[in-house]
PDB file of N, CA and C in Angstrom:
ATOM      1  N   MET A   1      15.901 -11.472   2.861  1.00  0.00           N
ATOM      2  CA  MET A   1      15.268 -11.798   4.043  1.00  0.00           C
ATOM      3  C   MET A   1      14.467 -10.351   4.471  1.00  0.00           C
ATOM      4  N   LYS A   2      14.892  -9.174   4.096  1.00  0.00           N
ATOM      5  CA  LYS A   2      14.015  -7.578   4.671  1.00  0.00           C
ATOM      6  C   LYS A   2      12.478  -7.682   3.805  1.00  0.00           C
ATOM      7  N   ARG A   3      12.879  -8.067   2.420  1.00  0.00           N
ATOM      8  CA  ARG A   3      11.787  -8.281   1.875  1.00  0.00           C
ATOM      9  C   ARG A   3      10.334  -9.464   2.077  1.00  0.00           C
ATOM     10  N   TYR A   4      11.044 -10.262   3.050  1.00  0.00           N
ATOM     11  CA  TYR A   4      10.192 -11.575   3.390  1.00  0.00           C
ATOM     12  C   TYR A   4       9.156 -10.963   4.069  1.00  0.00           C
ATOM     13  N   VAL A   5       9.853 -10.349   5.231  1.00  0.00           N
ATOM     14  CA  VAL A   5       9.437  -9.407   6.429  1.00  0.00           C
ATOM     15  C   VAL A   5       8.582  -8.409   6.004  1.00  0.00           C
ATOM     16  N   GLN A   6       9.162  -7.667   4.962  1.00  0.00           N
ATOM     17  CA  GLN A   6       8.276  -6.589   4.214  1.00  0.00           C
ATOM     18  C   GLN A   6       6.684  -7.180   3.931  1.00  0.00           C
ATOM     19  N   ASN A   7       7.116  -8.140   3.116  1.00  0.00           N
ATOM     20  CA  ASN A   7       5.846  -8.951   2.566  1.00  0.00           C
ATOM     21  C   ASN A   7       4.998  -9.296   3.325  1.00  0.00           C
ATOM     22  N   ILE A   8       5.311 -10.175   4.520  1.00  0.00           N
ATOM     23  CA  ILE A   8       4.593 -10.729   5.887  1.00  0.00           C
ATOM     24  C   ILE A   8       3.489  -9.342   6.633  1.00  0.00           C
ATOM     25  N   LEU A   9       4.165  -8.388   6.602  1.00  0.00           N
ATOM     26  CA  LEU A   9       3.830  -7.267   7.371  1.00  0.00           C
ATOM     27  C   LEU A   9       2.799  -6.674   6.422  1.00  0.00           C
ATOM     28  N   ILE A  10       2.768  -6.926   5.246  1.00  0.00           N
ATOM     29  CA  ILE A  10       1.739  -6.228   4.220  1.00  0.00           C
ATOM     30  C   ILE A  10       0.168  -7.041   4.125  1.00  0.00           C
ATOM     31  N   ALA A  11       0.697  -8.276   4.175  1.00  0.00           N
ATOM     32  CA  ALA A  11      -0.341  -9.568   4.283  1.00  0.00           C
ATOM     33  C   ALA A  11      -1.070  -9.256   5.568  1.00  0.00           C
ATOM     34  N   PHE A  12      -0.365  -8.741   6.837  1.00  0.00           N
ATOM     35  CA  PHE A  12      -1.339  -8.980   8.077  1.00  0.00           C
ATOM     36  C   PHE A  12      -2.115  -7.606   7.599  1.00  0.00           C
ATOM     37  N   ASP A  13      -1.574  -6.335   7.052  1.00  0.00           N
ATOM     38  CA  ASP A  13      -1.985  -4.680   6.938  1.00  0.00           C
ATOM     39  C   ASP A  13      -3.473  -5.403   5.815  1.00  0.00           C
ATOM     40  N   GLN A  14      -3.042  -6.253   5.040  1.00  0.00           N
ATOM     41  CA  GLN A  14      -4.248  -6.192   4.123  1.00  0.00           C
ATOM     42  C   GLN A  14      -5.435  -7.146   4.544  1.00  0.00           C
ATOM     43  N   LEU A  15      -4.894  -7.896   5.289  1.00  0.00           N
ATOM     44  CA  LEU A  15      -5.731  -8.890   6.084  1.00  0.00           C
ATOM     45  C   LEU A  15      -6.634  -8.043   7.053  1.00  0.00           C
ATOM     46  N   ALA A  16      -6.253  -7.254   7.905  1.00  0.00           N
ATOM     47  CA  ALA A  16      -6.953  -6.352   8.923  1.00  0.00           C
ATOM     48  C   ALA A  16      -8.040  -5.442   7.784  1.00  0.00           C
ATOM     49  N   ASN A  17      -7.582  -5.288   6.786  1.00  0.00           N
ATOM     50  CA  ASN A  17      -8.283  -4.091   6.056  1.00  0.00           C
ATOM     51  C   ASN A  17      -9.630  -4.559   5.820  1.00  0.00           C
ATOM     52  N   ALA A  18      -9.362  -5.989   5.038  1.00  0.00           N
ATOM     53  CA  ALA A  18     -10.342  -7.048   5.007  1.00  0.00           C
ATOM     54  C   ALA A  18     -11.597  -7.257   6.002  1.00  0.00           C
ATOM     55  N   VAL A  19     -11.001  -7.602   6.670  1.00  0.00           N
ATOM     56  CA  VAL A  19     -11.628  -7.856   8.292  1.00  0.00           C
ATOM     57  C   VAL A  19     -12.352  -6.573   8.547  1.00  0.00           C
ATOM     58  N   PHE A  20     -12.350  -5.201   8.234  1.00  0.00           N
ATOM     59  CA  PHE A  20     -12.647  -4.156   9.182  1.00  0.00           C
ATOM     60  C   PHE A  20     -13.704  -3.672   6.945  1.00  0.00           C
ATOM     61  N   CYS A  21     -14.080  -4.669   6.365  1.00  0.00           N
ATOM     62  CA  CYS A  21     -14.703  -4.562   5.232  1.00  0.00           C
ATOM     63  C   CYS A  21     -14.118  -3.580   4.495  1.00  0.00           C
ATOM     64  N   GLY A  22     -12.519  -3.759   3.981  1.00  0.00           N
ATOM     65  CA  GLY A  22     -12.016  -3.195   2.997  1.00  0.00           C
ATOM     66  C   GLY A  22     -11.613  -3.875   1.864  1.00  0.00           C
ATOM     67  N   TYR A  23     -11.278  -3.538   0.929  1.00  0.00           N
ATOM     68  CA  TYR A  23     -10.495  -4.325  -0.443  1.00  0.00           C
ATOM     69  C   TYR A  23      -9.436  -5.197   0.173  1.00  0.00           C
ATOM     70  N   PRO A  24      -9.783  -6.661  -0.347  1.00  0.00           N
ATOM     71  CA  PRO A  24      -8.691  -7.633   0.062  1.00  0.00           C
ATOM     72  C   PRO A  24      -7.258  -7.211  -0.231  1.00  0.00           C
ATOM     73  N   ASP A  25      -6.930  -6.638  -1.110  1.00  0.00           N
ATOM     74  CA  ASP A  25      -5.636  -6.182  -1.949  1.00  0.00           C
ATOM     75  C   ASP A  25      -5.242  -4.936  -1.456  1.00  0.00           C
ATOM     76  N   GLU A  26      -5.341  -3.992  -0.370  1.00  0.00           N
ATOM     77  CA  GLU A  26      -5.461  -2.914  -0.056  1.00  0.00           C
ATOM     78  C   GLU A  26      -5.062  -2.462   1.506  1.00  0.00           C
ATOM     79  N   THR A  27      -4.041  -1.889   1.273  1.00  0.00           N
ATOM     80  CA  THR A  27      -3.538  -2.181   2.743  1.00  0.00           C
ATOM     81  C   THR A  27      -4.608  -0.322   3.643  1.00  0.00           C
ATOM     82  N   ILE A  28      -4.318  -0.668   4.997  1.00  0.00           N
ATOM     83  CA  ILE A  28      -5.333   0.660   5.526  1.00  0.00           C
ATOM     84  C   ILE A  28      -4.927   2.052   5.216  1.00  0.00           C
ATOM     85  N   SER A  29      -3.391   1.708   5.074  1.00  0.00           N
ATOM     86  CA  SER A  29      -2.751   3.349   4.927  1.00  0.00           C
ATOM     87  C   SER A  29      -3.598   3.681   3.225  1.00  0.00           C
ATOM     88  N   ALA A  30      -3.596   2.942   2.378  1.00  0.00           N
ATOM     89  CA  ALA A  30      -4.304   3.162   0.946  1.00  0.00           C
ATOM     90  C   ALA A  30      -5.791   3.829   1.327  1.00  0.00           C
ATOM     91  N   ARG A  31      -6.323   2.392   1.829  1.00  0.00           N
ATOM     92  CA  ARG A  31      -8.055   2.911   2.395  1.00  0.00           C
ATOM     93  C   ARG A  31      -8.156   4.231   3.046  1.00  0.00           C
ATOM     94  N   SER A  32      -7.353   4.473   4.118  1.00  0.00           N
ATOM     95  CA  SER A  32      -7.416   5.732   4.615  1.00  0.00           C
ATOM     96  C   SER A  32      -7.433   7.207   4.050  1.00  0.00           C
ATOM     97  N   TYR A  33      -6.475   6.993   3.039  1.00  0.00           N
ATOM     98  CA  TYR A  33      -6.404   8.352   1.957  1.00  0.00           C
ATOM     99  C   TYR A  33      -7.767   8.018   0.835  1.00  0.00           C
ATOM    100  N   ARG A  34      -7.765   6.628   0.739  1.00  0.00           N
ATOM    101  CA  ARG A  34      -8.989   6.844  -0.746  1.00  0.00           C
ATOM    102  C   ARG A  34     -10.267   7.224   0.191  1.00  0.00           C
ATOM    103  N   GLU A  35     -10.599   7.137   1.344  1.00  0.00           N
ATOM    104  CA  GLU A  35     -11.835   7.356   1.684  1.00  0.00           C
ATOM    105  C   GLU A  35     -11.737   8.458   2.480  1.00  0.00           C
ATOM    106  N   LYS A  36     -10.684   9.128   3.244  1.00  0.00           N
ATOM    107  CA  LYS A  36     -10.403  10.000   3.880  1.00  0.00           C
ATOM    108  C   LYS A  36     -10.821   9.846   5.102  1.00  0.00           C
ATOM    109  N   LEU A  37     -10.628   8.450   6.128  1.00  0.00           N
ATOM    110  CA  LEU A  37     -10.773   8.250   7.378  1.00  0.00           C
ATOM    111  C   LEU A  37     -10.247   8.897   8.170  1.00  0.00           C
ATOM    112  N   TRP A  38     -11.159   8.888   9.504  1.00  0.00           N
ATOM    113  CA  TRP A  38     -10.278   9.754  10.498  1.00  0.00           C
ATOM    114  C   TRP A  38      -9.078   9.464  10.941  1.00  0.00           C
ATOM    115  N   CYS A  39      -8.304   8.254  10.389  1.00  0.00           N
ATOM    116  CA  CYS A  39      -6.946   7.268  11.013  1.00  0.00           C
ATOM    117  C   CYS A  39      -5.744   8.116  10.310  1.00  0.00           C
ATOM    118  N   GLU A  40      -6.497   8.671   8.940  1.00  0.00           N
ATOM    119  CA  GLU A  40      -4.886   8.638   7.935  1.00  0.00           C
ATOM    120  C   GLU A  40      -4.368   9.783   8.903  1.00  0.00           C
ATOM    121  N   TRP A  41      -4.509  11.081   9.316  1.00  0.00           N
ATOM    122  CA  TRP A  41      -3.475  11.778  10.094  1.00  0.00           C
ATOM    123  C   TRP A  41      -2.826  10.864  10.904  1.00  0.00           C
ATOM    124  N   TRP A  42      -3.146   9.881  11.388  1.00  0.00           N
ATOM    125  CA  TRP A  42      -2.767   9.040  12.833  1.00  0.00           C
ATOM    126  C   TRP A  42      -1.357   8.155  12.494  1.00  0.00           C
ATOM    127  N   ILE A  43      -1.757   7.928  11.279  1.00  0.00           N
ATOM    128  CA  ILE A  43      -1.054   6.847  10.266  1.00  0.00           C
ATOM    129  C   ILE A  43       0.179   7.652   9.595  1.00  0.00           C
ATOM    130  N   ASP A  44      -0.138   8.940   9.309  1.00  0.00           N
ATOM    131  CA  ASP A  44       0.719   9.487   8.722  1.00  0.00           C
ATOM    132  C   ASP A  44       1.834   9.990   9.760  1.00  0.00           C
ATOM    133  N   LEU A  45       1.105  10.048  10.963  1.00  0.00           N
ATOM    134  CA  LEU A  45       2.279  10.827  12.455  1.00  0.00           C
ATOM    135  C   LEU A  45       2.827   8.980  12.697  1.00  0.00           C
ATOM    136  N   LEU A  46       2.601   8.038  12.507  1.00  0.00           N
ATOM    137  CA  LEU A  46       3.243   6.857  13.148  1.00  0.00           C
ATOM    138  C   LEU A  46       3.958   6.780  11.595  1.00  0.00           C
ATOM    139  N   PHE A  47       4.283   7.071  10.729  1.00  0.00           N
ATOM    140  CA  PHE A  47       5.278   6.791  10.001  1.00  0.00           C
ATOM    141  C   PHE A  47       5.646   8.511   9.060  1.00  0.00           C
ATOM    142  N   PHE A  48       6.499   9.065  10.404  1.00  0.00           N
ATOM    143  CA  PHE A  48       6.699  10.244  10.344  1.00  0.00           C
ATOM    144  C   PHE A  48       8.283  10.442   9.280  1.00  0.00           C
ATOM    145  N   TRP A  49       8.581   9.177   8.998  1.00  0.00           N
ATOM    146  CA  TRP A  49       9.656   9.365   8.243  1.00  0.00           C
ATOM    147  C   TRP A  49       9.435   9.535   6.229  1.00  0.00           C
ATOM    148  N   ASP A  50       8.417   9.374   6.279  1.00  0.00           N
ATOM    149  CA  ASP A  50       7.923   9.226   5.014  1.00  0.00           C
ATOM    150  C   ASP A  50       7.046  10.372   4.623  1.00  0.00           C
ATOM    151  N   ARG A  51       7.897  11.611   4.032  1.00  0.00           N
ATOM    152  CA  ARG A  51       7.587  12.681   3.703  1.00  0.00           C
ATOM    153  C   ARG A  51       7.522  12.743   2.045  1.00  0.00           C
ATOM    154  N   ASP A  52       6.902  14.043   1.937  1.00  0.00           N
ATOM    155  CA  ASP A  52       7.229  14.451   0.029  1.00  0.00           C
ATOM    156  C   ASP A  52       8.205  15.494   0.289  1.00  0.00           C
ATOM    157  N   GLU A  53       8.514  15.826  -1.321  1.00  0.00           N
ATOM    158  CA  GLU A  53       9.731  16.713  -1.364  1.00  0.00           C
ATOM    159  C   GLU A  53       9.118  18.322  -0.080  1.00  0.00           C
ATOM    160  N   SER A  54       8.666  18.426  -0.070  1.00  0.00           N
ATOM    161  CA  SER A  54       7.972  19.719   0.739  1.00  0.00           C
ATOM    162  C   SER A  54       8.225  19.534   2.500  1.00  0.00           C
ATOM    163  N   GLY A  55       8.341  18.054   2.813  1.00  0.00           N
ATOM    164  CA  GLY A  55       8.360  17.670   4.063  1.00  0.00           C
ATOM    165  C   GLY A  55       6.990  17.645   4.620  1.00  0.00           C
ATOM    166  N   ARG A  56       6.117  17.490   3.887  1.00  0.00           N
ATOM    167  CA  ARG A  56       4.345  16.794   4.413  1.00  0.00           C
ATOM    168  C   ARG A  56       4.708  15.726   4.474  1.00  0.00           C
ATOM    169  N   ARG A  57       3.778  15.402   6.058  1.00  0.00           N
ATOM    170  CA  ARG A  57       3.877  13.640   5.779  1.00  0.00           C
ATOM    171  C   ARG A  57       2.857  13.324   4.795  1.00  0.00           C
ATOM    172  N   ASN A  58       2.759  12.335   4.106  1.00  0.00           N
ATOM    173  CA  ASN A  58       2.314  11.506   2.991  1.00  0.00           C
ATOM    174  C   ASN A  58       1.889  10.037   3.428  1.00  0.00           C
ATOM    175  N   HIS A  59       2.304   9.800   4.234  1.00  0.00           N
ATOM    176  CA  HIS A  59       2.371   8.023   3.933  1.00  0.00           C
ATOM    177  C   HIS A  59       1.205   7.561   3.554  1.00  0.00           C
ATOM    178  N   CYS A  60      -0.040   7.897   3.444  1.00  0.00           N
ATOM    179  CA  CYS A  60      -1.345   7.302   2.945  1.00  0.00           C
ATOM    180  C   CYS A  60      -1.350   7.570   1.935  1.00  0.00           C
ATOM    181  N   GLU A  61      -1.075   8.846   1.234  1.00  0.00           N
ATOM    182  CA  GLU A  61      -1.247   9.437  -0.295  1.00  0.00           C
ATOM    183  C   GLU A  61      -0.365   8.573  -0.763  1.00  0.00           C
ATOM    184  N   ALA A  62       0.985   8.411  -0.427  1.00  0.00           N
ATOM    185  CA  ALA A  62       2.393   7.418  -1.099  1.00  0.00           C
ATOM    186  C   ALA A  62       1.327   6.006  -1.350  1.00  0.00           C
ATOM    187  N   SER A  63       0.747   6.009  -0.448  1.00  0.00           N
ATOM    188  CA  SER A  63       0.695   4.247  -0.493  1.00  0.00           C
ATOM    189  C   SER A  63      -0.781   4.231  -1.370  1.00  0.00           C
ATOM    190  N   TYR A  64      -1.080   5.181  -1.187  1.00  0.00           N
ATOM    191  CA  TYR A  64      -2.872   4.803  -2.291  1.00  0.00           C
ATOM    192  C   TYR A  64      -2.417   5.174  -3.401  1.00  0.00           C
ATOM    193  N   LEU A  65      -1.221   6.190  -3.907  1.00  0.00           N
ATOM    194  CA  LEU A  65      -0.543   6.154  -5.398  1.00  0.00           C
ATOM    195  C   LEU A  65       0.384   4.899  -5.578  1.00  0.00           C
ATOM    196  N   HIS A  66       0.855   3.940  -4.955  1.00  0.00           N
ATOM    197  CA  HIS A  66       1.778   2.923  -5.146  1.00  0.00           C
ATOM    198  C   HIS A  66       0.584   2.027  -5.270  1.00  0.00           C
ATOM    199  N   GLU A  67      -0.487   1.483  -5.003  1.00  0.00           N
ATOM    200  CA  GLU A  67      -1.778   0.773  -5.205  1.00  0.00           C
ATOM    201  C   GLU A  67      -2.137   1.402  -6.370  1.00  0.00           C
ATOM    202  N   MET A  68      -2.525   2.437  -6.664  1.00  0.00           N
ATOM    203  CA  MET A  68      -2.895   3.054  -7.873  1.00  0.00           C
ATOM    204  C   MET A  68      -2.061   2.414  -9.218  1.00  0.00           C
ATOM    205  N   LYS A  69      -0.524   2.489  -8.951  1.00  0.00           N
ATOM    206  CA  LYS A  69       0.141   1.946 -10.024  1.00  0.00           C
ATOM    207  C   LYS A  69       0.570   0.262 -10.043  1.00  0.00           C
ATOM    208  N   ARG A  70      -0.319  -0.088  -9.388  1.00  0.00           N
ATOM    209  CA  ARG A  70      -0.207  -1.483  -8.977  1.00  0.00           C
ATOM    210  C   ARG A  70       1.475  -2.282  -8.545  1.00  0.00           C
ATOM    211  N   MET A  71       2.036  -1.354  -7.842  1.00  0.00           N
ATOM    212  CA  MET A  71       3.651  -1.292  -7.782  1.00  0.00           C
ATOM    213  C   MET A  71       4.022  -2.703  -6.532  1.00  0.00           C
ATOM    214  N   ASP A  72       2.870  -3.112  -5.702  1.00  0.00           N
ATOM    215  CA  ASP A  72       2.973  -4.528  -5.054  1.00  0.00           C
ATOM    216  C   ASP A  72       2.971  -5.592  -5.696  1.00  0.00           C
ATOM    217  N   LEU A  73       2.319  -5.664  -7.022  1.00  0.00           N
ATOM    218  CA  LEU A  73       1.744  -6.962  -7.714  1.00  0.00           C
ATOM    219  C   LEU A  73       3.341  -7.208  -8.319  1.00  0.00           C
ATOM    220  N   PRO A  74       3.593  -8.877  -8.630  1.00  0.00           N
ATOM    221  CA  PRO A  74       4.732  -9.179  -9.304  1.00  0.00           C
ATOM    222  C   PRO A  74       4.590  -8.495 -10.565  1.00  0.00           C
ATOM    223  N   ALA A  75       5.768  -8.444 -11.450  1.00  0.00           N
ATOM    224  CA  ALA A  75       5.694  -7.710 -12.893  1.00  0.00           C
ATOM    225  C   ALA A  75       4.764  -8.246 -13.845  1.00  0.00           C
ATOM    226  N   GLU A  76       4.625  -9.419 -13.253  1.00  0.00           N
ATOM    227  CA  GLU A  76       4.099 -10.552 -14.202  1.00  0.00           C
ATOM    228  C   GLU A  76       2.486 -10.116 -14.550  1.00  0.00           C
ATOM    229  N   TYR A  77       1.843  -9.445 -13.333  1.00  0.00           N
ATOM    230  CA  TYR A  77       0.927  -9.335 -13.295  1.00  0.00           C
ATOM    231  C   TYR A  77       0.244  -7.913 -13.235  1.00  0.00           C
ATOM    232  N   ARG A  78       1.595  -7.046 -13.630  1.00  0.00           N
ATOM    233  CA  ARG A  78       1.211  -6.071 -13.779  1.00  0.00           C
ATOM    234  C   ARG A  78       0.271  -5.695 -15.093  1.00  0.00           C
ATOM    235  N   GLU A  79      -0.375  -4.662 -15.652  1.00  0.00           N
ATOM    236  CA  GLU A  79      -1.054  -4.078 -16.618  1.00  0.00           C
ATOM    237  C   GLU A  79       0.014  -3.843 -18.237  1.00  0.00           C
ATOM    238  N   GLY A  80       0.168  -4.750 -18.783  1.00  0.00           N
ATOM    239  CA  GLY A  80       0.924  -4.445 -19.883  1.00  0.00           C
ATOM    240  C   GLY A  80       2.231  -5.613 -20.077  1.00  0.00           C
ATOM    241  N   GLN A  81       2.629  -6.170 -19.124  1.00  0.00           N
ATOM    242  CA  GLN A  81       3.305  -6.939 -18.787  1.00  0.00           C
ATOM    243  C   GLN A  81       2.896  -8.634 -19.128  1.00  0.00           C
ATOM    244  N   ARG A  82       3.889  -9.258 -19.756  1.00  0.00           N
ATOM    245  CA  ARG A  82       3.634 -10.582 -20.267  1.00  0.00           C
ATOM    246  C   ARG A  82       4.370 -11.474 -19.582  1.00  0.00           C
ATOM    247  N   CYS A  83       4.150 -12.376 -19.057  1.00  0.00           N
ATOM    248  CA  CYS A  83       4.877 -13.557 -18.512  1.00  0.00           C
ATOM    249  C   CYS A  83       5.679 -14.338 -19.327  1.00  0.00           C
ATOM    250  N   LYS A  84       7.063 -14.527 -18.905  1.00  0.00           N
ATOM    251  CA  LYS A  84       7.767 -15.090 -19.740  1.00  0.00           C
ATOM    252  C   LYS A  84       7.662 -16.649 -20.093  1.00  0.00           C
ATOM    253  N   SER A  85       7.195 -17.557 -19.434  1.00  0.00           N
ATOM    254  CA  SER A  85       6.974 -18.552 -19.516  1.00  0.00           C
ATOM    255  C   SER A  85       6.070 -18.979 -20.793  1.00  0.00           C
ATOM    256  N   ARG A  86       4.902 -18.131 -20.732  1.00  0.00           N
ATOM    257  CA  ARG A  86       3.983 -17.991 -21.744  1.00  0.00           C
ATOM    258  C   ARG A  86       3.978 -17.465 -23.155  1.00  0.00           C
ATOM    259  N   GLU A  87       5.422 -16.961 -23.398  1.00  0.00           N
ATOM    260  CA  GLU A  87       5.580 -16.443 -24.685  1.00  0.00           C
ATOM    261  C   GLU A  87       6.557 -17.722 -25.506  1.00  0.00           C
TER     262      GLU A  87
END
């Protein structure tokens, strides 16, 4: 159930990003880091628990790197993965 709620929240986040002329499969956090938007600092502050090893707030940077690794995609859609039903 937790993953379901998380997926719904990410979907709303991506929809809001698309409405404001962003990529449709990108979160506002990832876009904020990629484009160095003014709201990056505020988003990092909102997600205060998301810190790196040195204690620096880095939610937006972590979201961007997560997107670059294509971690939100199902395994079948990630680069180098094959769908089991097609093998």
